[in-house]
Amino acid sequence: MKQILFMSILSLLLSIMGCNRENQYLKDHKVILCYELNKKKLTKEAKDFSNNSILGIEEAGNIYKEFLVNKKELDSSKSNLNLSIHPKIIIDSNYVFSFYNMKQMKIAVFGIWINANTGKITYNKDELWLNEREIGV
């Protein structure tokens, strides 16, 4: 019984600390959701960011696609397909190509980042998931 109580308290504390880390990240960075909740339509904020950046969202998607082809993560014979690849979120000046957890409605911060001003590709390893409903609030 003591073990169950201990594990419950530990889980609660870890959960609270995770939320604080997420909230702090959202305070420290400008984060823009690229698509409206459960829709394939770009948000107004993402359109504005893309229109005012040197590198638009479509160009970033093309750079990401070429990156996948060059890393052999995508079959090179499919590189000429009209593959629609878009970032999940924008963090500061970076398009973030990451993962989406549909069940928890969270978007990963880790993944491939493409700078909207330079086109530079970086890999962010920060294992943090942001709650979709908290982005832009």
N, C-alpha and C. Protein backbone atom coordinates (compact mmCIF):
# COMPACT_ATOMS: atom_id res chain seq x y z
N MET A 1 0.83 -1.20 0.00
CA MET A 1 0.00 0.00 0.00
C MET A 1 0.87 1.26 0.00
N LYS A 2 1.95 1.23 0.79
CA LYS A 2 2.85 2.38 0.85
C LYS A 2 3.52 2.61 -0.50
N GLN A 3 3.82 1.52 -1.19
CA GLN A 3 4.45 1.63 -2.50
C GLN A 3 3.51 2.31 -3.51
N ILE A 4 2.26 1.96 -3.46
CA ILE A 4 1.28 2.55 -4.38
C ILE A 4 1.12 4.04 -4.09
N LEU A 5 1.04 4.39 -2.82
CA LEU A 5 0.93 5.80 -2.43
C LEU A 5 2.17 6.57 -2.87
N PHE A 6 3.35 5.98 -2.64
CA PHE A 6 4.60 6.62 -3.03
C PHE A 6 4.65 6.85 -4.54
N MET A 7 4.27 5.83 -5.31
CA MET A 7 4.30 5.93 -6.77
C MET A 7 3.28 6.96 -7.26
N SER A 8 2.14 7.05 -6.62
CA SER A 8 1.12 8.03 -6.99
C SER A 8 1.63 9.44 -6.76
N ILE A 9 2.26 9.66 -5.61
CA ILE A 9 2.80 10.99 -5.28
C ILE A 9 3.94 11.34 -6.23
N LEU A 10 4.80 10.37 -6.50
CA LEU A 10 5.91 10.60 -7.43
C LEU A 10 5.39 10.95 -8.82
N SER A 11 4.39 10.24 -9.29
CA SER A 11 3.80 10.52 -10.61
C SER A 11 3.20 11.92 -10.65
N LEU A 12 2.52 12.30 -9.59
CA LEU A 12 1.93 13.63 -9.52
C LEU A 12 3.01 14.71 -9.57
N LEU A 13 4.06 14.53 -8.81
CA LEU A 13 5.15 15.51 -8.79
C LEU A 13 5.82 15.62 -10.16
N LEU A 14 6.09 14.49 -10.79
CA LEU A 14 6.71 14.52 -12.11
C LEU A 14 5.79 15.19 -13.12
N SER A 15 4.51 14.94 -13.00
CA SER A 15 3.53 15.57 -13.90
C SER A 15 3.53 17.08 -13.73
N ILE A 16 3.53 17.53 -12.48
CA ILE A 16 3.53 18.96 -12.19
C ILE A 16 4.80 19.61 -12.71
N MET A 17 5.94 18.95 -12.51
CA MET A 17 7.21 19.51 -12.97
C MET A 17 7.23 19.59 -14.49
N GLY A 18 6.65 18.62 -15.17
CA GLY A 18 6.57 18.64 -16.63
C GLY A 18 5.75 19.81 -17.12
N CYS A 19 4.63 20.07 -16.46
CA CYS A 19 3.77 21.20 -16.83
C CYS A 19 4.50 22.52 -16.63
N ASN A 20 5.25 22.63 -15.52
CA ASN A 20 5.99 23.86 -15.27
C ASN A 20 7.06 24.08 -16.33
N ARG A 21 7.70 23.01 -16.76
CA ARG A 21 8.73 23.12 -17.79
C ARG A 21 8.09 23.58 -19.11
N GLU A 22 6.93 23.01 -19.43
CA GLU A 22 6.21 23.39 -20.64
C GLU A 22 5.78 24.86 -20.58
N ASN A 23 5.21 25.26 -19.46
CA ASN A 23 4.77 26.65 -19.31
C ASN A 23 5.95 27.62 -19.40
N GLN A 24 7.07 27.25 -18.79
CA GLN A 24 8.25 28.11 -18.84
C GLN A 24 8.77 28.23 -20.27
N TYR A 25 8.75 27.13 -21.00
CA TYR A 25 9.19 27.15 -22.39
C TYR A 25 8.32 28.10 -23.21
N LEU A 26 7.01 28.03 -23.00
CA LEU A 26 6.09 28.90 -23.73
C LEU A 26 6.27 30.36 -23.36
N LYS A 27 6.71 30.64 -22.14
CA LYS A 27 7.00 32.02 -21.73
C LYS A 27 8.29 32.53 -22.35
N ASP A 28 9.28 31.62 -22.49
CA ASP A 28 10.61 32.01 -22.96
C ASP A 28 10.73 32.08 -24.48
N HIS A 29 9.79 31.47 -25.21
CA HIS A 29 9.88 31.39 -26.66
C HIS A 29 8.57 31.81 -27.30
N LYS A 30 8.69 32.37 -28.49
CA LYS A 30 7.49 32.66 -29.28
C LYS A 30 7.16 31.39 -30.06
N VAL A 31 6.01 30.81 -29.76
CA VAL A 31 5.59 29.56 -30.39
C VAL A 31 4.29 29.81 -31.14
N ILE A 32 4.28 29.40 -32.41
CA ILE A 32 3.11 29.59 -33.26
C ILE A 32 2.65 28.21 -33.73
N LEU A 33 1.39 27.94 -33.57
CA LEU A 33 0.79 26.71 -34.08
C LEU A 33 0.59 26.89 -35.58
N CYS A 34 1.05 25.94 -36.38
CA CYS A 34 0.94 26.08 -37.84
C CYS A 34 -0.45 25.79 -38.37
N TYR A 35 -1.14 24.85 -37.75
CA TYR A 35 -2.45 24.47 -38.25
C TYR A 35 -3.49 24.58 -37.16
N GLU A 36 -4.70 24.96 -37.54
CA GLU A 36 -5.80 25.05 -36.60
C GLU A 36 -6.06 23.68 -36.00
N LEU A 37 -6.57 23.65 -34.79
CA LEU A 37 -6.82 22.39 -34.10
C LEU A 37 -7.62 21.44 -34.98
N ASN A 38 -7.08 20.24 -35.16
CA ASN A 38 -7.72 19.16 -35.92
C ASN A 38 -8.11 19.54 -37.35
N LYS A 39 -7.45 20.54 -37.92
CA LYS A 39 -7.74 20.95 -39.29
C LYS A 39 -6.45 21.01 -40.08
N LYS A 40 -6.57 21.08 -41.39
CA LYS A 40 -5.40 21.18 -42.24
C LYS A 40 -5.21 22.59 -42.77
N LYS A 41 -5.86 23.54 -42.14
CA LYS A 41 -5.80 24.92 -42.57
C LYS A 41 -4.74 25.67 -41.75
N LEU A 42 -3.85 26.40 -42.45
CA LEU A 42 -2.83 27.18 -41.76
C LEU A 42 -3.48 28.24 -40.88
N THR A 43 -2.89 28.47 -39.73
CA THR A 43 -3.39 29.53 -38.86
C THR A 43 -2.99 30.88 -39.45
N LYS A 44 -3.68 31.91 -39.07
CA LYS A 44 -3.37 33.26 -39.53
C LYS A 44 -1.96 33.65 -39.11
N GLU A 45 -1.58 33.29 -37.88
CA GLU A 45 -0.26 33.62 -37.37
C GLU A 45 0.84 32.96 -38.19
N ALA A 46 0.63 31.69 -38.58
CA ALA A 46 1.62 30.97 -39.38
C ALA A 46 1.72 31.58 -40.78
N LYS A 47 0.58 31.97 -41.36
CA LYS A 47 0.59 32.63 -42.68
C LYS A 47 1.37 33.94 -42.61
N ASP A 48 1.08 34.74 -41.59
CA ASP A 48 1.76 36.02 -41.42
C ASP A 48 3.26 35.82 -41.25
N PHE A 49 3.64 34.85 -40.41
CA PHE A 49 5.06 34.57 -40.19
C PHE A 49 5.72 34.17 -41.51
N SER A 50 5.08 33.26 -42.24
CA SER A 50 5.62 32.77 -43.51
C SER A 50 5.76 33.90 -44.53
N ASN A 51 4.75 34.75 -44.61
CA ASN A 51 4.78 35.87 -45.57
C ASN A 51 5.83 36.91 -45.23
N ASN A 52 6.19 37.03 -43.95
CA ASN A 52 7.15 38.04 -43.53
C ASN A 52 8.56 37.48 -43.30
N SER A 53 8.78 36.23 -43.67
CA SER A 53 10.09 35.60 -43.50
C SER A 53 10.78 35.49 -44.85
N ILE A 54 12.09 35.41 -44.82
CA ILE A 54 12.86 35.21 -46.05
C ILE A 54 12.48 33.86 -46.66
N LEU A 55 12.31 32.86 -45.79
CA LEU A 55 11.96 31.51 -46.23
C LEU A 55 10.52 31.23 -45.84
N GLY A 56 9.66 31.01 -46.82
CA GLY A 56 8.26 30.73 -46.56
C GLY A 56 8.05 29.29 -46.13
N ILE A 57 6.85 28.99 -45.71
CA ILE A 57 6.53 27.66 -45.19
C ILE A 57 6.68 26.58 -46.27
N GLU A 58 6.33 26.89 -47.50
CA GLU A 58 6.47 25.91 -48.60
C GLU A 58 7.93 25.64 -48.90
N GLU A 59 8.75 26.70 -48.93
CA GLU A 59 10.19 26.51 -49.17
C GLU A 59 10.83 25.69 -48.06
N ALA A 60 10.40 25.94 -46.82
CA ALA A 60 10.92 25.15 -45.69
C ALA A 60 10.54 23.69 -45.85
N GLY A 61 9.32 23.43 -46.32
CA GLY A 61 8.89 22.05 -46.57
C GLY A 61 9.73 21.38 -47.63
N ASN A 62 10.09 22.13 -48.67
CA ASN A 62 10.95 21.57 -49.73
C ASN A 62 12.35 21.28 -49.22
N ILE A 63 12.88 22.16 -48.39
CA ILE A 63 14.20 21.93 -47.80
C ILE A 63 14.15 20.69 -46.91
N TYR A 64 13.09 20.55 -46.15
CA TYR A 64 12.94 19.39 -45.27
C TYR A 64 12.85 18.10 -46.09
N LYS A 65 12.09 18.14 -47.19
CA LYS A 65 11.95 16.97 -48.05
C LYS A 65 13.30 16.57 -48.63
N GLU A 66 14.07 17.54 -49.12
CA GLU A 66 15.40 17.25 -49.65
C GLU A 66 16.32 16.70 -48.56
N PHE A 67 16.18 17.23 -47.37
CA PHE A 67 16.97 16.74 -46.23
C PHE A 67 16.66 15.26 -46.00
N LEU A 68 15.39 14.88 -46.03
CA LEU A 68 15.00 13.48 -45.83
C LEU A 68 15.55 12.59 -46.95
N VAL A 69 15.50 13.09 -48.17
CA VAL A 69 16.02 12.32 -49.30
C VAL A 69 17.52 12.12 -49.14
N ASN A 70 18.23 13.19 -48.81
CA ASN A 70 19.69 13.10 -48.66
C ASN A 70 20.10 12.22 -47.49
N LYS A 71 19.29 12.18 -46.46
CA LYS A 71 19.57 11.33 -45.30
C LYS A 71 19.07 9.90 -45.52
N LYS A 72 18.50 9.67 -46.70
CA LYS A 72 17.98 8.35 -47.08
C LYS A 72 16.82 7.90 -46.17
N GLU A 73 16.15 8.85 -45.56
CA GLU A 73 14.99 8.53 -44.75
C GLU A 73 13.73 8.51 -45.61
N LEU A 74 13.89 8.94 -46.84
CA LEU A 74 12.79 8.93 -47.80
C LEU A 74 13.37 8.35 -49.08
N ASP A 75 12.69 7.44 -49.68
CA ASP A 75 13.15 6.80 -50.91
C ASP A 75 13.41 7.87 -51.97
N SER A 76 14.62 7.90 -52.51
CA SER A 76 14.98 8.95 -53.47
C SER A 76 14.13 8.88 -54.73
N SER A 77 13.57 7.72 -55.06
CA SER A 77 12.70 7.62 -56.23
C SER A 77 11.39 8.37 -56.01
N LYS A 78 11.08 8.66 -54.76
CA LYS A 78 9.85 9.39 -54.45
C LYS A 78 10.10 10.88 -54.29
N SER A 79 11.35 11.31 -54.46
CA SER A 79 11.68 12.71 -54.21
C SER A 79 11.00 13.67 -55.17
N ASN A 80 10.60 13.19 -56.34
CA ASN A 80 9.92 14.05 -57.31
C ASN A 80 8.41 14.08 -57.11
N LEU A 81 7.91 13.28 -56.18
CA LEU A 81 6.48 13.29 -55.91
C LEU A 81 6.08 14.62 -55.29
N ASN A 82 4.85 14.98 -55.46
CA ASN A 82 4.34 16.20 -54.84
C ASN A 82 4.03 15.88 -53.38
N LEU A 83 5.06 15.77 -52.59
CA LEU A 83 4.94 15.40 -51.19
C LEU A 83 4.68 16.65 -50.36
N SER A 84 3.60 16.68 -49.65
CA SER A 84 3.24 17.82 -48.83
C SER A 84 3.80 17.64 -47.42
N ILE A 85 4.86 18.35 -47.14
CA ILE A 85 5.49 18.25 -45.83
C ILE A 85 5.48 19.65 -45.22
N HIS A 86 4.85 19.75 -44.05
CA HIS A 86 4.73 21.05 -43.39
C HIS A 86 5.17 20.94 -41.93
N PRO A 87 5.67 22.03 -41.39
CA PRO A 87 6.04 22.02 -39.98
C PRO A 87 4.80 21.98 -39.09
N LYS A 88 4.98 21.48 -37.88
CA LYS A 88 3.88 21.43 -36.91
C LYS A 88 3.73 22.76 -36.19
N ILE A 89 4.89 23.35 -35.84
CA ILE A 89 4.89 24.62 -35.11
C ILE A 89 6.05 25.48 -35.59
N ILE A 90 6.02 26.73 -35.19
CA ILE A 90 7.12 27.67 -35.43
C ILE A 90 7.59 28.11 -34.06
N ILE A 91 8.88 27.98 -33.81
CA ILE A 91 9.45 28.42 -32.54
C ILE A 91 10.48 29.49 -32.84
N ASP A 92 10.25 30.66 -32.28
CA ASP A 92 11.09 31.83 -32.53
C ASP A 92 11.17 32.05 -34.05
N SER A 93 12.30 31.82 -34.68
CA SER A 93 12.43 32.02 -36.13
C SER A 93 12.65 30.70 -36.86
N ASN A 94 12.13 29.61 -36.31
CA ASN A 94 12.38 28.30 -36.87
C ASN A 94 11.09 27.54 -37.16
N TYR A 95 11.05 26.95 -38.35
CA TYR A 95 9.98 26.02 -38.67
C TYR A 95 10.38 24.69 -38.03
N VAL A 96 9.47 24.09 -37.27
CA VAL A 96 9.78 22.87 -36.54
C VAL A 96 9.02 21.68 -37.14
N PHE A 97 9.79 20.76 -37.69
CA PHE A 97 9.24 19.53 -38.25
C PHE A 97 9.41 18.46 -37.19
N SER A 98 8.34 18.15 -36.50
CA SER A 98 8.43 17.25 -35.36
C SER A 98 7.27 16.27 -35.36
N PHE A 99 6.89 15.85 -34.19
CA PHE A 99 5.87 14.81 -34.04
C PHE A 99 4.64 15.35 -33.32
N TYR A 100 3.52 14.74 -33.61
CA TYR A 100 2.26 15.13 -32.98
C TYR A 100 1.64 13.90 -32.31
N ASN A 101 1.32 14.02 -31.05
CA ASN A 101 0.65 12.96 -30.31
C ASN A 101 -0.84 13.29 -30.32
N MET A 102 -1.60 12.58 -31.17
CA MET A 102 -3.03 12.89 -31.33
C MET A 102 -3.81 12.59 -30.06
N LYS A 103 -3.44 11.56 -29.35
CA LYS A 103 -4.18 11.18 -28.15
C LYS A 103 -4.07 12.25 -27.07
N GLN A 104 -2.86 12.76 -26.86
CA GLN A 104 -2.65 13.77 -25.82
C GLN A 104 -2.72 15.19 -26.36
N MET A 105 -2.83 15.33 -27.69
CA MET A 105 -2.85 16.64 -28.35
C MET A 105 -1.63 17.47 -27.97
N LYS A 106 -0.46 16.84 -28.13
CA LYS A 106 0.80 17.50 -27.83
C LYS A 106 1.73 17.44 -29.03
N ILE A 107 2.54 18.49 -29.15
CA ILE A 107 3.49 18.61 -30.25
C ILE A 107 4.90 18.62 -29.67
N ALA A 108 5.77 17.83 -30.27
CA ALA A 108 7.15 17.72 -29.80
C ALA A 108 7.97 18.94 -30.21
N VAL A 109 8.84 19.36 -29.31
CA VAL A 109 9.78 20.43 -29.60
C VAL A 109 11.00 19.84 -30.32
N PHE A 110 11.33 18.59 -29.99
CA PHE A 110 12.48 17.95 -30.63
C PHE A 110 12.15 17.61 -32.07
N GLY A 111 13.17 17.61 -32.89
CA GLY A 111 12.99 17.31 -34.31
C GLY A 111 13.87 18.19 -35.16
N ILE A 112 13.53 18.28 -36.43
CA ILE A 112 14.31 19.07 -37.38
C ILE A 112 13.78 20.50 -37.40
N TRP A 113 14.69 21.44 -37.19
CA TRP A 113 14.35 22.87 -37.22
C TRP A 113 14.99 23.48 -38.46
N ILE A 114 14.23 24.31 -39.15
CA ILE A 114 14.77 25.05 -40.30
C ILE A 114 14.58 26.53 -40.03
N ASN A 115 15.70 27.26 -40.00
CA ASN A 115 15.65 28.69 -39.72
C ASN A 115 14.99 29.43 -40.88
N ALA A 116 14.01 30.25 -40.57
CA ALA A 116 13.23 30.97 -41.58
C ALA A 116 14.01 32.11 -42.22
N ASN A 117 15.14 32.49 -41.63
CA ASN A 117 15.93 33.58 -42.19
C ASN A 117 17.13 33.09 -42.98
N THR A 118 17.66 31.92 -42.60
CA THR A 118 18.89 31.44 -43.24
C THR A 118 18.72 30.11 -43.98
N GLY A 119 17.68 29.35 -43.65
CA GLY A 119 17.50 28.02 -44.24
C GLY A 119 18.37 26.96 -43.58
N LYS A 120 19.10 27.36 -42.54
CA LYS A 120 19.98 26.42 -41.84
C LYS A 120 19.15 25.34 -41.14
N ILE A 121 19.59 24.08 -41.29
CA ILE A 121 18.92 22.95 -40.67
C ILE A 121 19.65 22.56 -39.40
N THR A 122 18.90 22.43 -38.30
CA THR A 122 19.47 21.94 -37.05
C THR A 122 18.55 20.88 -36.48
N TYR A 123 19.11 20.06 -35.61
CA TYR A 123 18.31 19.05 -34.93
C TYR A 123 18.23 19.42 -33.46
N ASN A 124 17.01 19.62 -32.97
CA ASN A 124 16.80 19.94 -31.57
C ASN A 124 16.47 18.65 -30.83
N LYS A 125 17.21 18.38 -29.76
CA LYS A 125 17.01 17.15 -29.01
C LYS A 125 16.27 17.37 -27.70
N ASP A 126 15.75 18.57 -27.48
CA ASP A 126 15.05 18.88 -26.23
C ASP A 126 13.77 18.06 -26.14
N GLU A 127 13.76 17.07 -25.29
CA GLU A 127 12.60 16.17 -25.18
C GLU A 127 11.48 16.83 -24.39
N LEU A 128 10.76 17.66 -25.09
CA LEU A 128 9.66 18.40 -24.48
C LEU A 128 8.47 18.35 -25.43
N TRP A 129 7.30 18.15 -24.86
CA TRP A 129 6.04 18.14 -25.62
C TRP A 129 5.21 19.32 -25.16
N LEU A 130 4.70 20.10 -26.09
CA LEU A 130 3.85 21.25 -25.77
C LEU A 130 2.41 20.90 -26.03
N ASN A 131 1.56 21.30 -25.10
CA ASN A 131 0.12 21.08 -25.25
C ASN A 131 -0.41 22.00 -26.35
N GLU A 132 -1.01 21.40 -27.35
CA GLU A 132 -1.51 22.16 -28.50
C GLU A 132 -2.44 23.29 -28.09
N ARG A 133 -3.26 23.06 -27.10
CA ARG A 133 -4.25 24.06 -26.68
C ARG A 133 -3.61 25.23 -25.93
N GLU A 134 -2.38 25.09 -25.49
CA GLU A 134 -1.70 26.15 -24.76
C GLU A 134 -0.88 27.07 -25.67
N ILE A 135 -0.62 26.60 -26.88
CA ILE A 135 0.22 27.38 -27.81
C ILE A 135 -0.56 28.59 -28.31
N GLY A 136 0.05 29.74 -28.18
CA GLY A 136 -0.56 30.98 -28.66
C GLY A 136 -1.60 31.56 -27.74
N VAL A 137 -1.72 30.98 -26.55
CA VAL A 137 -2.73 31.47 -25.60
C VAL A 137 -2.16 32.62 -24.81
